[in-house]
Amino acid sequence: MSDFSKKFIESQKMRLLEEKQRIQENFRVFTKESRNRSSDEAKEDGDIAERFREEKVSISLREKDLRTLREIDVALRKMDDGTYGYCEESGEPIELKRLEKKPWARLSLEQAELLEKESNFFHKKAI
């Protein structure tokens, strides 16, 4: 038995599909703009540097979008198998507010905070 209503799951599914579509459209626009930019020839060093900086920022944003797209696909699969909304670490239901804010969340807030603390701890030890 799910801790989430069918209405809530359907609403979340729509949000996930809309976000997936938005990201995919961003990729299409990025690809089209990249083709157009590569045909333009930068003439001055300042133009080249600015284009390089813009592309670096754009690539960083695309990487974030790609990670989100993967998380969305995982969330959609979990909806199909009935495990959506449950923390992958504790097995407990993820907080509704967290799912409403981030429908692809895989961890409860408590587990996400623990993971972040552990990550920071090991990062600091490595330095």
C-alpha atoms as a PDB file:
ATOM      1  CA  MET A   1       0.000   0.000   0.000  1.00  0.00           C
ATOM      2  CA  SER A   2       1.393   3.387  -1.010  1.00  0.00           C
ATOM      3  CA  ASP A   3       1.654   6.266   1.449  1.00  0.00           C
ATOM      4  CA  PHE A   4       0.806   8.609  -1.445  1.00  0.00           C
ATOM      5  CA  SER A   5      -2.570   9.172  -3.073  1.00  0.00           C
ATOM      6  CA  LYS A   6      -3.115   8.243  -6.689  1.00  0.00           C
ATOM      7  CA  LYS A   7      -3.913  11.909  -7.373  1.00  0.00           C
ATOM      8  CA  PHE A   8      -0.573  12.990  -5.877  1.00  0.00           C
ATOM      9  CA  ILE A   9       1.356  10.419  -7.931  1.00  0.00           C
ATOM     10  CA  GLU A  10      -0.409  11.478 -11.145  1.00  0.00           C
ATOM     11  CA  SER A  11       0.279  15.138 -10.401  1.00  0.00           C
ATOM     12  CA  GLN A  12       3.945  14.369  -9.791  1.00  0.00           C
ATOM     13  CA  LYS A  13       4.124  12.325 -12.979  1.00  0.00           C
ATOM     14  CA  MET A  14       2.792  15.277 -14.987  1.00  0.00           C
ATOM     15  CA  ARG A  15       5.352  17.583 -13.373  1.00  0.00           C
ATOM     16  CA  LEU A  16       8.165  15.139 -14.128  1.00  0.00           C
ATOM     17  CA  LEU A  17       7.094  14.761 -17.755  1.00  0.00           C
ATOM     18  CA  GLU A  18       6.813  18.543 -18.171  1.00  0.00           C
ATOM     19  CA  GLU A  19      10.289  19.072 -16.700  1.00  0.00           C
ATOM     20  CA  LYS A  20      11.685  16.312 -18.918  1.00  0.00           C
ATOM     21  CA  GLN A  21      10.163  17.967 -21.972  1.00  0.00           C
ATOM     22  CA  ARG A  22      11.551  21.380 -20.930  1.00  0.00           C
ATOM     23  CA  ILE A  23      15.055  19.974 -20.534  1.00  0.00           C
ATOM     24  CA  GLN A  24      14.901  18.125 -23.839  1.00  0.00           C
ATOM     25  CA  GLU A  25      13.783  21.320 -25.579  1.00  0.00           C
ATOM     26  CA  ASN A  26      16.697  23.179 -23.968  1.00  0.00           C
ATOM     27  CA  PHE A  27      19.059  20.561 -25.410  1.00  0.00           C
ATOM     28  CA  ARG A  28      17.558  21.032 -28.876  1.00  0.00           C
ATOM     29  CA  VAL A  29      17.948  24.821 -28.649  1.00  0.00           C
ATOM     30  CA  PHE A  30      21.508  24.471 -27.330  1.00  0.00           C
ATOM     31  CA  THR A  31      22.437  22.147 -30.191  1.00  0.00           C
ATOM     32  CA  LYS A  32      20.948  24.509 -32.764  1.00  0.00           C
ATOM     33  CA  GLU A  33      22.692  27.544 -31.233  1.00  0.00           C
ATOM     34  CA  SER A  34      25.997  25.670 -31.085  1.00  0.00           C
ATOM     35  CA  ARG A  35      25.791  24.925 -34.797  1.00  0.00           C
ATOM     36  CA  ASN A  36      25.034  28.566 -35.559  1.00  0.00           C
ATOM     37  CA  ARG A  37      27.900  29.794 -33.349  1.00  0.00           C
ATOM     38  CA  SER A  38      30.410  27.458 -34.924  1.00  0.00           C
ATOM     39  CA  SER A  39      29.628  28.912 -38.327  1.00  0.00           C
ATOM     40  CA  ASP A  40      30.276  32.453 -37.037  1.00  0.00           C
ATOM     41  CA  GLU A  41      33.925  33.356 -37.052  1.00  0.00           C
ATOM     42  CA  ALA A  42      35.201  35.256 -34.004  1.00  0.00           C
ATOM     43  CA  LYS A  43      37.694  37.866 -35.124  1.00  0.00           C
ATOM     44  CA  GLU A  44      39.089  39.352 -31.929  1.00  0.00           C
ATOM     45  CA  ASP A  45      40.660  37.802 -28.844  1.00  0.00           C
ATOM     46  CA  GLY A  46      37.968  39.359 -26.637  1.00  0.00           C
ATOM     47  CA  ASP A  47      35.240  37.756 -28.736  1.00  0.00           C
ATOM     48  CA  ILE A  48      36.959  34.389 -28.555  1.00  0.00           C
ATOM     49  CA  ALA A  49      37.398  34.638 -24.780  1.00  0.00           C
ATOM     50  CA  GLU A  50      33.769  35.675 -24.278  1.00  0.00           C
ATOM     51  CA  ARG A  51      32.517  32.825 -26.477  1.00  0.00           C
ATOM     52  CA  PHE A  52      34.696  30.356 -24.560  1.00  0.00           C
ATOM     53  CA  ARG A  53      33.317  31.603 -21.217  1.00  0.00           C
ATOM     54  CA  GLU A  54      29.721  31.396 -22.464  1.00  0.00           C
ATOM     55  CA  GLU A  55      30.249  27.869 -23.760  1.00  0.00           C
ATOM     56  CA  LYS A  56      31.823  26.771 -20.473  1.00  0.00           C
ATOM     57  CA  VAL A  57      28.818  28.076 -18.509  1.00  0.00           C
ATOM     58  CA  SER A  58      26.423  26.537 -21.002  1.00  0.00           C
ATOM     59  CA  ILE A  59      28.115  23.148 -20.803  1.00  0.00           C
ATOM     60  CA  SER A  60      27.960  23.264 -17.017  1.00  0.00           C
ATOM     61  CA  LEU A  61      24.223  23.955 -17.181  1.00  0.00           C
ATOM     62  CA  ARG A  62      23.739  21.143 -19.717  1.00  0.00           C
ATOM     63  CA  GLU A  63      25.546  18.723 -17.388  1.00  0.00           C
ATOM     64  CA  LYS A  64      23.202  19.704 -14.544  1.00  0.00           C
ATOM     65  CA  ASP A  65      20.207  19.247 -16.849  1.00  0.00           C
ATOM     66  CA  LEU A  66      21.492  15.840 -17.925  1.00  0.00           C
ATOM     67  CA  ARG A  67      21.781  14.721 -14.289  1.00  0.00           C
ATOM     68  CA  THR A  68      18.246  15.977 -13.641  1.00  0.00           C
ATOM     69  CA  LEU A  69      16.990  14.150 -16.731  1.00  0.00           C
ATOM     70  CA  ARG A  70      18.467  10.905 -15.415  1.00  0.00           C
ATOM     71  CA  GLU A  71      16.842  11.493 -12.014  1.00  0.00           C
ATOM     72  CA  ILE A  72      13.487  12.129 -13.709  1.00  0.00           C
ATOM     73  CA  ASP A  73      13.755   8.837 -15.603  1.00  0.00           C
ATOM     74  CA  VAL A  74      14.502   7.011 -12.339  1.00  0.00           C
ATOM     75  CA  ALA A  75      11.479   8.656 -10.675  1.00  0.00           C
ATOM     76  CA  LEU A  76       9.212   7.668 -13.580  1.00  0.00           C
ATOM     77  CA  ARG A  77      10.426   4.047 -13.374  1.00  0.00           C
ATOM     78  CA  LYS A  78       9.779   4.077  -9.632  1.00  0.00           C
ATOM     79  CA  MET A  79       6.223   5.244 -10.291  1.00  0.00           C
ATOM     80  CA  ASP A  80       5.753   2.256 -12.575  1.00  0.00           C
ATOM     81  CA  ASP A  81       7.068  -0.234 -10.015  1.00  0.00           C
ATOM     82  CA  GLY A  82       5.363   1.366  -6.988  1.00  0.00           C
ATOM     83  CA  THR A  83       8.490   2.553  -5.179  1.00  0.00           C
ATOM     84  CA  TYR A  84       8.170   6.263  -5.968  1.00  0.00           C
ATOM     85  CA  GLY A  85       8.454   8.578  -2.987  1.00  0.00           C
ATOM     86  CA  TYR A  86      10.392   6.233  -0.733  1.00  0.00           C
ATOM     87  CA  CYS A  87      13.891   7.008   0.500  1.00  0.00           C
ATOM     88  CA  GLU A  88      16.499   4.748  -1.080  1.00  0.00           C
ATOM     89  CA  GLU A  89      18.483   4.679   2.173  1.00  0.00           C
ATOM     90  CA  SER A  90      15.883   4.357   4.918  1.00  0.00           C
ATOM     91  CA  GLY A  91      12.904   2.991   2.993  1.00  0.00           C
ATOM     92  CA  GLU A  92      10.698   5.574   4.709  1.00  0.00           C
ATOM     93  CA  PRO A  93       8.378   7.866   2.727  1.00  0.00           C
ATOM     94  CA  ILE A  94      10.025  11.065   1.520  1.00  0.00           C
ATOM     95  CA  GLU A  95       8.415  14.220   2.882  1.00  0.00           C
ATOM     96  CA  LEU A  96       5.585  15.553   0.678  1.00  0.00           C
ATOM     97  CA  LYS A  97       7.024  19.074   0.711  1.00  0.00           C
ATOM     98  CA  ARG A  98      10.357  17.711  -0.511  1.00  0.00           C
ATOM     99  CA  LEU A  99       8.698  15.765  -3.320  1.00  0.00           C
ATOM    100  CA  GLU A 100       6.607  18.781  -4.275  1.00  0.00           C
ATOM    101  CA  LYS A 101       9.748  20.910  -4.514  1.00  0.00           C
ATOM    102  CA  LYS A 102      11.902  18.247  -6.152  1.00  0.00           C
ATOM    103  CA  PRO A 103       9.697  15.486  -7.658  1.00  0.00           C
ATOM    104  CA  TRP A 104      12.747  13.387  -8.552  1.00  0.00           C
ATOM    105  CA  ALA A 105      14.085  13.281  -4.976  1.00  0.00           C
ATOM    106  CA  ARG A 106      15.466   9.854  -4.073  1.00  0.00           C
ATOM    107  CA  LEU A 107      16.335  10.516  -0.429  1.00  0.00           C
ATOM    108  CA  SER A 108      14.430  11.910   2.522  1.00  0.00           C
ATOM    109  CA  LEU A 109      15.624  15.263   3.779  1.00  0.00           C
ATOM    110  CA  GLU A 110      17.274  13.606   6.777  1.00  0.00           C
ATOM    111  CA  GLN A 111      19.178  11.102   4.632  1.00  0.00           C
ATOM    112  CA  ALA A 112      20.177  13.792   2.109  1.00  0.00           C
ATOM    113  CA  GLU A 113      21.581  15.910   4.945  1.00  0.00           C
ATOM    114  CA  LEU A 114      23.491  12.924   6.353  1.00  0.00           C
ATOM    115  CA  LEU A 115      24.941  12.167   2.934  1.00  0.00           C
ATOM    116  CA  GLU A 116      25.993  15.802   2.500  1.00  0.00           C
ATOM    117  CA  LYS A 117      27.650  15.855   5.929  1.00  0.00           C
ATOM    118  CA  GLU A 118      29.535  12.638   5.146  1.00  0.00           C
ATOM    119  CA  SER A 119      30.594  14.000   1.793  1.00  0.00           C
ATOM    120  CA  ASN A 120      31.888  17.221   3.374  1.00  0.00           C
ATOM    121  CA  PHE A 121      33.644  15.247   6.109  1.00  0.00           C
ATOM    122  CA  PHE A 122      35.504  13.027   3.632  1.00  0.00           C
ATOM    123  CA  HIS A 123      36.246  15.969   1.352  1.00  0.00           C
ATOM    124  CA  LYS A 124      37.830  17.893   4.230  1.00  0.00           C
ATOM    125  CA  LYS A 125      39.904  14.846   5.239  1.00  0.00           C
ATOM    126  CA  ALA A 126      41.188  14.483   1.686  1.00  0.00           C
ATOM    127  CA  ILE A 127      42.462  18.064   1.670  1.00  0.00           C
END
